[in-house]
Amino acid sequence: MSNSISKTVLVINCGSSSVKFAIMDPKDGHIFLSGIAEAMNLPEAFISWRFGDEDKTKVNIPGYNHQQALAYLVENILSSHQELLDSIVACGHRIVHGADYYSAPTLVDDEVVANIERAIPFAPLHNPAHILGINAARASFPNIPHVVVFDTAFHQTMPPVAYRFAIPEEYYTVDHLRRYGAHGTSHMYLSHEAAKLLGKPLEETNVITCHLGGGASVCAVKGGKCMDTSMGLTPLDGLIMGTRSGSIDPSVVFYLCRKYNMQVTEAKDILNKKSGLLALSGISSDMRPICEGYEKGDERCTLAIEAFSYRLAKFIASYYVPLGRVDAIVFSGGIGENCWEARKITCEYLRDSFGVELDQEINVGALGRLGHDGGVISTPASRVKVMMIPTNEELVIAQSAMKFVKD
């Protein structure tokens, strides 16, 4: 291993049954190792990884938990790559919800872990898994700084008019019920990259960033700071998503519970796991088969992609209010980077009122045409630039963690 990559960061993203990991150079984002352990605590658990561009290796690890999976990373995967193991100087952890405790990357200590635990009601599936990952990583890598990067932190600059709910005061002051947002790490990265493409200082740019995947959110970013975002107390609010309903009249829950004698947990399950693109299309929560159905004229797939795009266009239009002037609209995430149909339909909704014009030739297959740095996909005549920029949350986390490394 060359001296130029002597300092790397281990980036960890723990789910309830998975551990994603990567070892990367925080300077240029070069990934030396990437992998994932899945089906944790189950007989079918496995871990797969690749070094650089090598072929992927997969090994069964039946019954392994998060700590055992990370121990396997150290003892089995990195055991023959001692120089890479020795290069790790920090560990960055992606955390979904930090409530209103944190507005910046934070060095892990027992108090931080306790606050992540306090925020579990706002992210009941994610935060417990993050705590498992933190504890496991601290056990496997006890001599390096561990840094948590919160999806909610970037949105802490929202003004009260954007984050407060119109509910009795005590539910805010006592229970901290408010809009928190998500995907903040991605929205921050996209706003920085958009400023570079615009050739303007970040402080002078106004952009609307769209992180569109199985989970999806929109953010109004003014001068590098979040002014509003579509997700709310939890990631259920806002856009139509893979299996989530997005914004919906709360009375739907009352109706379901009353007519079908549902428990609140059942209604929650419907809105989080059985709604969204899955419910509208009737075939999948994945946009790829929906786009195929749309191209073939399938009515339900057409409704799904048009409803998704219509909701997205409405949010984009509404964010002209907090921004005043919009320099660019940015598409990213699995759908935003790959689904040219969704970009096309969304921008068509914005064409007459906001003068948005896509270059359809560039838009079709933009990721292949522009590469992983992305670029402008609108015409020179468009009143606002439209961009496709692949997101890179791992790089943001690695760079954030590196700041806590002492020279």
Protein backbone atom coordinates (compact mmCIF):
# COMPACT_ATOMS: atom_id res chain seq x y z
CA MET A 1 0.00 0.00 0.00
CA SER A 2 1.42 3.37 -0.99
CA ASN A 3 2.06 6.18 1.47
CA SER A 4 -0.53 8.32 -0.34
CA ILE A 5 -3.31 6.24 1.18
CA SER A 6 -1.73 5.78 4.59
CA LYS A 7 -4.72 7.24 6.45
CA THR A 8 -8.17 5.74 5.84
CA VAL A 9 -11.55 5.82 7.55
CA LEU A 10 -13.86 2.91 8.24
CA VAL A 11 -17.46 3.92 7.48
CA ILE A 12 -20.23 1.86 9.06
CA ASN A 13 -23.97 1.92 8.40
CA CYS A 14 -25.88 -0.51 10.60
CA GLY A 15 -29.43 -1.64 9.95
CA SER A 16 -31.53 -3.84 12.18
CA SER A 17 -30.27 -6.97 10.38
CA SER A 18 -27.27 -5.70 8.42
CA VAL A 19 -23.90 -4.00 8.65
CA LYS A 20 -22.60 -2.08 5.63
CA PHE A 21 -18.93 -1.17 5.79
CA ALA A 22 -16.31 0.56 3.67
CA ILE A 23 -12.70 1.58 4.11
CA MET A 24 -11.95 4.70 2.11
CA ASP A 25 -9.55 7.56 1.58
CA PRO A 26 -11.33 10.68 2.92
CA LYS A 27 -9.32 12.91 0.59
CA ASP A 28 -10.57 11.58 -2.74
CA GLY A 29 -13.22 9.00 -1.81
CA HIS A 30 -11.25 6.05 -3.16
CA ILE A 31 -12.73 2.85 -1.72
CA PHE A 32 -10.24 0.15 -0.77
CA LEU A 33 -12.78 -2.25 0.71
CA SER A 34 -16.57 -2.38 0.67
CA GLY A 35 -18.98 -4.99 1.94
CA ILE A 36 -22.09 -5.90 3.85
CA ALA A 37 -23.14 -8.47 6.41
CA GLU A 38 -26.80 -9.39 6.12
CA ALA A 39 -29.46 -11.48 7.90
CA MET A 40 -27.81 -10.91 11.26
CA ASN A 41 -28.71 -13.39 14.04
CA LEU A 42 -30.31 -15.76 11.51
CA PRO A 43 -29.09 -19.15 10.23
CA GLU A 44 -28.77 -17.71 6.72
CA ALA A 45 -26.51 -14.81 7.75
CA PHE A 46 -23.67 -14.06 5.35
CA ILE A 47 -20.99 -11.47 4.70
CA SER A 48 -19.79 -10.32 1.29
CA TRP A 49 -17.00 -7.94 0.34
CA ARG A 50 -14.64 -6.79 -2.36
CA PHE A 51 -11.26 -5.07 -2.37
CA GLY A 52 -11.33 -2.20 -4.85
CA ASP A 53 -12.65 -3.50 -8.17
CA GLU A 54 -11.96 -7.16 -7.44
CA ASP A 55 -14.70 -9.76 -7.67
CA LYS A 56 -16.97 -10.04 -4.66
CA THR A 57 -16.36 -12.74 -2.05
CA LYS A 58 -19.23 -14.19 -0.04
CA VAL A 59 -19.04 -16.32 3.13
CA ASN A 60 -21.84 -17.75 5.28
CA ILE A 61 -21.70 -16.67 8.95
CA PRO A 62 -24.78 -18.43 10.42
CA GLY A 63 -26.17 -16.83 13.57
CA TYR A 64 -23.61 -14.03 13.69
CA ASN A 65 -24.61 -10.77 15.36
CA HIS A 66 -23.32 -7.26 14.60
CA GLN A 67 -20.29 -7.55 16.89
CA GLN A 68 -19.31 -10.93 15.50
CA ALA A 69 -19.64 -9.63 11.94
CA LEU A 70 -17.25 -6.74 12.62
CA ALA A 71 -14.88 -9.09 14.43
CA TYR A 72 -14.95 -11.26 11.28
CA LEU A 73 -14.00 -8.18 9.26
CA VAL A 74 -10.91 -7.64 11.40
CA GLU A 75 -9.87 -11.23 12.04
CA ASN A 76 -10.65 -12.84 8.70
CA ILE A 77 -11.05 -10.28 5.92
CA LEU A 78 -8.36 -7.79 6.95
CA SER A 79 -6.00 -10.36 8.51
CA SER A 80 -4.19 -10.77 5.19
CA HIS A 81 -4.23 -7.01 4.51
CA GLN A 82 -2.43 -5.76 7.58
CA GLU A 83 -1.31 -2.54 5.92
CA LEU A 84 -4.93 -1.62 5.17
CA LEU A 85 -5.99 -2.52 8.71
CA ASP A 86 -3.20 -0.38 10.13
CA SER A 87 -4.23 2.54 7.91
CA ILE A 88 -7.63 2.98 9.65
CA VAL A 89 -7.37 6.10 11.81
CA ALA A 90 -11.09 6.76 12.49
CA CYS A 91 -14.50 5.18 12.25
CA GLY A 92 -17.56 7.09 11.02
CA HIS A 93 -21.07 5.92 11.83
CA ARG A 94 -24.21 6.91 9.95
CA ILE A 95 -27.05 7.60 12.41
CA VAL A 96 -30.60 8.16 11.16
CA HIS A 97 -32.01 10.21 14.04
CA GLY A 98 -30.36 12.50 16.54
CA ALA A 99 -33.57 14.33 17.54
CA ASP A 100 -32.68 17.93 18.38
CA TYR A 101 -29.60 16.96 20.40
CA TYR A 102 -27.04 17.29 17.59
CA SER A 103 -26.44 19.62 14.68
CA ALA A 104 -22.95 18.45 13.70
CA PRO A 105 -20.77 15.31 13.58
CA THR A 106 -19.96 14.29 17.13
CA LEU A 107 -17.28 12.23 18.84
CA VAL A 108 -18.80 9.15 20.44
CA ASP A 109 -18.92 8.83 24.22
CA ASP A 110 -21.40 7.24 26.62
CA GLU A 111 -23.59 10.36 26.69
CA VAL A 112 -23.86 10.38 22.90
CA VAL A 113 -24.93 6.73 22.91
CA ALA A 114 -27.51 7.52 25.59
CA ASN A 115 -28.96 10.35 23.47
CA ILE A 116 -29.16 8.11 20.42
CA GLU A 117 -31.10 5.72 22.63
CA ARG A 118 -33.44 8.54 23.72
CA ALA A 119 -34.21 9.21 20.04
CA ILE A 120 -35.29 5.59 19.43
CA PRO A 121 -39.04 6.50 19.44
CA PHE A 122 -38.40 8.65 16.34
CA ALA A 123 -36.45 5.89 14.54
CA PRO A 124 -37.43 2.61 16.21
CA LEU A 125 -35.92 0.36 13.52
CA HIS A 126 -32.73 2.29 12.86
CA ASN A 127 -31.39 3.74 16.10
CA PRO A 128 -31.23 0.47 18.09
CA ALA A 129 -29.22 -1.03 15.23
CA HIS A 130 -26.92 2.00 15.19
CA ILE A 131 -26.19 1.49 18.89
CA LEU A 132 -25.33 -2.16 18.22
CA GLY A 133 -22.97 -1.04 15.47
CA ILE A 134 -21.29 1.59 17.62
CA ASN A 135 -20.73 -0.85 20.47
CA ALA A 136 -19.44 -3.52 18.11
CA ALA A 137 -17.09 -1.16 16.31
CA ARG A 138 -15.73 0.28 19.54
CA ALA A 139 -14.95 -3.27 20.67
CA SER A 140 -13.19 -4.14 17.41
CA PHE A 141 -11.44 -0.78 17.00
CA PRO A 142 -10.91 0.52 20.55
CA ASN A 143 -7.95 2.82 19.83
CA ILE A 144 -9.38 5.15 17.17
CA PRO A 145 -11.95 7.95 17.39
CA HIS A 146 -15.53 6.95 16.60
CA VAL A 147 -17.66 9.72 15.11
CA VAL A 148 -21.42 9.77 14.57
CA VAL A 149 -22.91 11.65 11.62
CA PHE A 150 -26.66 12.25 11.93
CA ASP A 151 -29.10 12.31 9.01
CA THR A 152 -31.09 14.89 11.00
CA ALA A 153 -28.18 17.23 11.80
CA PHE A 154 -28.16 19.18 8.53
CA HIS A 155 -31.82 20.11 9.02
CA GLN A 156 -31.26 21.75 12.41
CA THR A 157 -30.89 25.13 10.66
CA MET A 158 -34.59 25.15 9.71
CA PRO A 159 -36.52 28.08 11.22
CA PRO A 160 -39.44 27.37 13.58
CA VAL A 161 -41.98 28.22 10.87
CA ALA A 162 -40.67 25.19 8.97
CA TYR A 163 -40.12 22.67 11.75
CA ARG A 164 -42.93 23.38 14.24
CA PHE A 165 -46.20 21.45 14.11
CA ALA A 166 -49.44 23.29 14.90
CA ILE A 167 -50.19 21.15 17.95
CA PRO A 168 -50.36 22.00 21.68
CA GLU A 169 -47.15 23.51 23.00
CA GLU A 170 -46.39 20.83 25.56
CA TYR A 171 -46.01 18.18 22.86
CA TYR A 172 -43.13 20.21 21.48
CA THR A 173 -41.51 21.34 24.73
CA VAL A 174 -41.91 18.04 26.60
CA ASP A 175 -42.00 15.40 23.86
CA HIS A 176 -39.90 17.19 21.19
CA LEU A 177 -42.48 16.54 18.47
CA ARG A 178 -41.37 18.56 15.44
CA ARG A 179 -40.10 18.17 11.89
CA TYR A 180 -36.62 16.66 11.85
CA GLY A 181 -36.09 15.49 8.27
CA ALA A 182 -33.72 12.81 7.05
CA HIS A 183 -31.07 12.17 4.36
CA GLY A 184 -29.31 15.29 5.66
CA THR A 185 -25.84 13.96 4.87
CA SER A 186 -26.87 13.43 1.25
CA HIS A 187 -28.59 16.82 0.94
CA MET A 188 -25.50 18.56 2.31
CA TYR A 189 -23.22 16.76 -0.16
CA LEU A 190 -25.51 17.52 -3.10
CA SER A 191 -25.75 21.21 -2.25
CA HIS A 192 -21.95 21.48 -2.11
CA GLU A 193 -21.52 19.67 -5.41
CA ALA A 194 -24.22 21.77 -7.06
CA ALA A 195 -22.40 24.95 -6.01
CA LYS A 196 -19.23 23.64 -7.67
CA LEU A 197 -21.11 22.91 -10.91
CA LEU A 198 -22.68 26.37 -10.77
CA GLY A 199 -19.26 27.94 -10.27
CA LYS A 200 -20.59 29.95 -7.33
CA PRO A 201 -19.61 30.18 -3.65
CA LEU A 202 -21.78 27.91 -1.52
CA GLU A 203 -22.94 30.93 0.49
CA GLU A 204 -24.45 32.46 -2.65
CA THR A 205 -26.31 29.42 -3.98
CA ASN A 206 -29.96 28.44 -3.59
CA VAL A 207 -30.70 24.86 -4.57
CA ILE A 208 -33.46 22.28 -4.22
CA THR A 209 -31.98 18.82 -3.65
CA CYS A 210 -34.00 15.67 -4.30
CA HIS A 211 -32.74 12.45 -2.70
CA LEU A 212 -34.93 9.83 -4.38
CA GLY A 213 -34.74 6.15 -3.57
CA GLY A 214 -36.75 3.62 -1.56
CA GLY A 215 -36.87 6.47 0.92
CA ALA A 216 -37.15 9.90 -0.63
CA SER A 217 -36.98 13.51 0.49
CA VAL A 218 -36.58 17.04 -0.85
CA CYS A 219 -34.64 19.87 0.76
CA ALA A 220 -34.54 23.65 0.24
CA VAL A 221 -30.92 24.74 0.76
CA LYS A 222 -30.04 28.44 0.97
CA GLY A 223 -26.38 29.38 1.23
CA GLY A 224 -25.51 25.84 2.31
CA LYS A 225 -28.14 25.74 5.05
CA CYS A 226 -31.39 23.77 5.16
CA MET A 227 -34.45 26.00 5.20
CA ASP A 228 -37.11 23.27 4.82
CA THR A 229 -37.39 19.57 4.07
CA SER A 230 -40.16 17.14 3.21
CA MET A 231 -39.73 14.44 5.87
CA GLY A 232 -41.16 15.15 9.29
CA LEU A 233 -40.94 13.66 12.75
CA THR A 234 -40.08 10.36 11.06
CA PRO A 235 -39.17 9.31 7.49
CA LEU A 236 -42.85 8.56 6.74
CA ASP A 237 -43.80 12.13 5.83
CA GLY A 238 -43.42 13.91 2.51
CA LEU A 239 -42.94 12.24 -0.86
CA ILE A 240 -44.49 9.01 -2.09
CA MET A 241 -41.79 6.38 -1.48
CA GLY A 242 -41.18 2.70 -2.15
CA THR A 243 -43.53 1.37 0.52
CA ARG A 244 -44.32 4.57 2.48
CA SER A 245 -47.40 6.67 1.82
CA GLY A 246 -45.71 10.03 2.33
CA SER A 247 -47.90 12.96 3.43
CA ILE A 248 -51.43 11.83 4.18
CA ASP A 249 -54.48 13.11 6.05
CA PRO A 250 -54.13 11.78 9.65
CA SER A 251 -57.84 10.98 9.50
CA VAL A 252 -56.99 8.03 7.27
CA VAL A 253 -55.51 6.38 10.35
CA PHE A 254 -58.61 7.17 12.43
CA TYR A 255 -60.82 5.73 9.68
CA LEU A 256 -58.83 2.51 9.35
CA CYS A 257 -58.77 1.95 13.10
CA ARG A 258 -62.49 2.63 13.45
CA LYS A 259 -63.85 0.70 10.45
CA TYR A 260 -61.50 -2.30 10.55
CA ASN A 261 -60.93 -2.35 14.31
CA MET A 262 -57.22 -1.92 13.65
CA GLN A 263 -54.61 -1.31 16.27
CA VAL A 264 -52.44 1.75 15.69
CA THR A 265 -49.48 -0.54 15.03
CA GLU A 266 -51.38 -2.18 12.18
CA ALA A 267 -52.15 1.18 10.58
CA LYS A 268 -48.52 2.16 11.03
CA ASP A 269 -47.46 -1.02 9.25
CA ILE A 270 -49.78 -0.28 6.33
CA LEU A 271 -48.52 3.28 5.83
CA ASN A 272 -44.85 2.33 6.22
CA LYS A 273 -44.61 -1.06 4.54
CA LYS A 274 -47.62 -1.58 2.26
CA SER A 275 -48.21 1.82 0.68
CA GLY A 276 -46.31 4.11 -1.69
CA LEU A 277 -45.21 2.89 -5.11
CA LEU A 278 -45.98 -0.67 -4.09
CA ALA A 279 -49.63 0.12 -3.42
CA LEU A 280 -50.15 2.33 -6.47
CA SER A 281 -48.40 0.10 -8.99
CA GLY A 282 -49.62 -3.18 -7.57
CA ILE A 283 -46.40 -4.88 -8.66
CA SER A 284 -43.36 -3.53 -6.82
CA SER A 285 -41.82 -0.93 -4.54
CA ASP A 286 -38.89 -0.79 -6.95
CA MET A 287 -39.10 1.91 -9.61
CA ARG A 288 -37.38 -0.20 -12.27
CA PRO A 289 -40.25 -2.62 -13.02
CA ILE A 290 -42.67 0.29 -12.62
CA CYS A 291 -40.81 2.19 -15.36
CA GLU A 292 -40.97 -0.91 -17.55
CA GLY A 293 -44.72 -1.08 -16.98
CA TYR A 294 -45.03 2.63 -17.70
CA GLU A 295 -43.22 2.23 -21.02
CA LYS A 296 -45.65 -0.57 -21.93
CA GLY A 297 -48.67 1.57 -21.05
CA ASP A 298 -49.68 -0.24 -17.85
CA GLU A 299 -52.29 1.98 -16.13
CA ARG A 300 -51.29 1.33 -12.54
CA CYS A 301 -47.57 1.74 -13.24
CA THR A 302 -48.37 4.97 -15.07
CA LEU A 303 -50.35 6.22 -12.08
CA ALA A 304 -47.51 5.28 -9.72
CA ILE A 305 -44.77 7.14 -11.58
CA GLU A 306 -46.97 10.13 -12.38
CA ALA A 307 -48.20 10.43 -8.78
CA PHE A 308 -44.62 10.13 -7.52
CA SER A 309 -43.50 12.85 -9.94
CA TYR A 310 -46.50 15.09 -9.26
CA ARG A 311 -45.90 15.03 -5.49
CA LEU A 312 -42.22 15.72 -6.08
CA ALA A 313 -42.97 18.64 -8.41
CA LYS A 314 -45.35 20.15 -5.84
CA PHE A 315 -42.65 20.06 -3.16
CA ILE A 316 -40.10 21.58 -5.52
CA ALA A 317 -42.55 24.36 -6.43
CA SER A 318 -43.30 25.08 -2.76
CA TYR A 319 -39.62 25.50 -1.96
CA TYR A 320 -39.43 28.62 -4.06
CA VAL A 321 -41.11 30.23 -1.01
CA PRO A 322 -38.22 29.79 1.48
CA LEU A 323 -35.55 30.24 -1.21
CA GLY A 324 -36.93 33.12 -3.28
CA ARG A 325 -34.45 32.41 -6.07
CA VAL A 326 -33.54 28.92 -7.24
CA ASP A 327 -30.23 28.31 -9.01
CA ALA A 328 -30.56 24.56 -9.49
CA ILE A 329 -32.76 21.52 -8.95
CA VAL A 330 -30.73 18.41 -8.18
CA PHE A 331 -31.82 14.80 -8.70
CA SER A 332 -29.99 12.02 -6.83
CA GLY A 333 -30.46 8.63 -5.18
CA GLY A 334 -31.35 5.37 -6.89
CA ILE A 335 -34.41 6.82 -8.62
CA GLY A 336 -33.03 10.30 -9.11
CA GLU A 337 -29.86 9.01 -10.76
CA ASN A 338 -31.32 6.22 -12.87
CA CYS A 339 -34.99 6.89 -13.65
CA TRP A 340 -35.04 9.33 -16.55
CA GLU A 341 -38.82 8.95 -16.80
CA ALA A 342 -39.38 10.35 -13.29
CA ARG A 343 -37.05 13.28 -14.01
CA LYS A 344 -38.86 13.96 -17.30
CA ILE A 345 -42.38 13.88 -15.83
CA THR A 346 -41.40 15.96 -12.79
CA CYS A 347 -39.81 18.66 -14.92
CA GLU A 348 -42.78 18.71 -17.29
CA TYR A 349 -44.98 19.66 -14.33
CA LEU A 350 -42.56 22.55 -13.64
CA ARG A 351 -42.08 23.71 -17.22
CA ASP A 352 -44.86 26.25 -17.73
CA SER A 353 -44.79 27.91 -14.32
CA PHE A 354 -41.06 27.82 -13.59
CA GLY A 355 -39.46 27.60 -17.02
CA VAL A 356 -37.77 24.25 -16.38
CA GLU A 357 -36.58 22.60 -19.59
CA LEU A 358 -34.72 19.30 -19.74
CA ASP A 359 -32.35 18.33 -22.50
CA GLN A 360 -34.12 15.06 -23.22
CA GLU A 361 -31.16 13.56 -25.04
CA ILE A 362 -28.89 14.08 -22.02
CA ASN A 363 -31.67 13.16 -19.58
CA VAL A 364 -32.11 9.68 -21.05
CA GLY A 365 -29.35 7.61 -19.49
CA ALA A 366 -27.80 10.63 -17.76
CA LEU A 367 -25.71 8.50 -15.38
CA GLY A 368 -24.06 6.73 -18.30
CA ARG A 369 -23.62 9.95 -20.27
CA LEU A 370 -22.30 12.12 -17.44
CA GLY A 371 -20.53 9.56 -15.29
CA HIS A 372 -20.39 9.40 -11.51
CA ASP A 373 -19.63 13.11 -11.14
CA GLY A 374 -22.99 13.98 -12.71
CA GLY A 375 -23.77 17.27 -14.39
CA VAL A 376 -26.37 19.55 -15.94
CA ILE A 377 -29.28 17.87 -17.76
CA SER A 378 -31.31 21.01 -18.61
CA THR A 379 -31.18 23.07 -21.80
CA PRO A 380 -29.39 26.45 -21.97
CA ALA A 381 -32.84 28.05 -22.26
CA SER A 382 -34.05 26.63 -18.93
CA ARG A 383 -34.66 29.37 -16.33
CA VAL A 384 -33.20 27.11 -13.66
CA LYS A 385 -30.45 24.54 -14.10
CA VAL A 386 -31.43 20.92 -13.54
CA MET A 387 -28.70 18.52 -12.44
CA MET A 388 -28.18 14.83 -11.87
CA ILE A 389 -25.53 14.31 -9.19
CA PRO A 390 -24.81 10.85 -7.71
CA THR A 391 -24.77 11.18 -3.94
CA ASN A 392 -21.84 10.08 -1.78
CA GLU A 393 -22.87 9.97 1.87
CA GLU A 394 -19.96 7.68 2.73
CA LEU A 395 -17.45 10.32 1.65
CA VAL A 396 -19.12 12.96 3.83
CA ILE A 397 -19.05 10.59 6.81
CA ALA A 398 -15.39 9.71 6.21
CA GLN A 399 -14.38 13.37 5.93
CA SER A 400 -16.38 14.24 9.05
CA ALA A 401 -14.71 11.48 11.04
CA MET A 402 -11.25 12.50 9.80
CA LYS A 403 -11.65 15.93 11.37
CA PHE A 404 -11.43 14.28 14.80
CA VAL A 405 -8.09 12.62 14.06
CA LYS A 406 -5.14 14.27 15.77
CA ASP A 407 -2.05 14.71 13.60
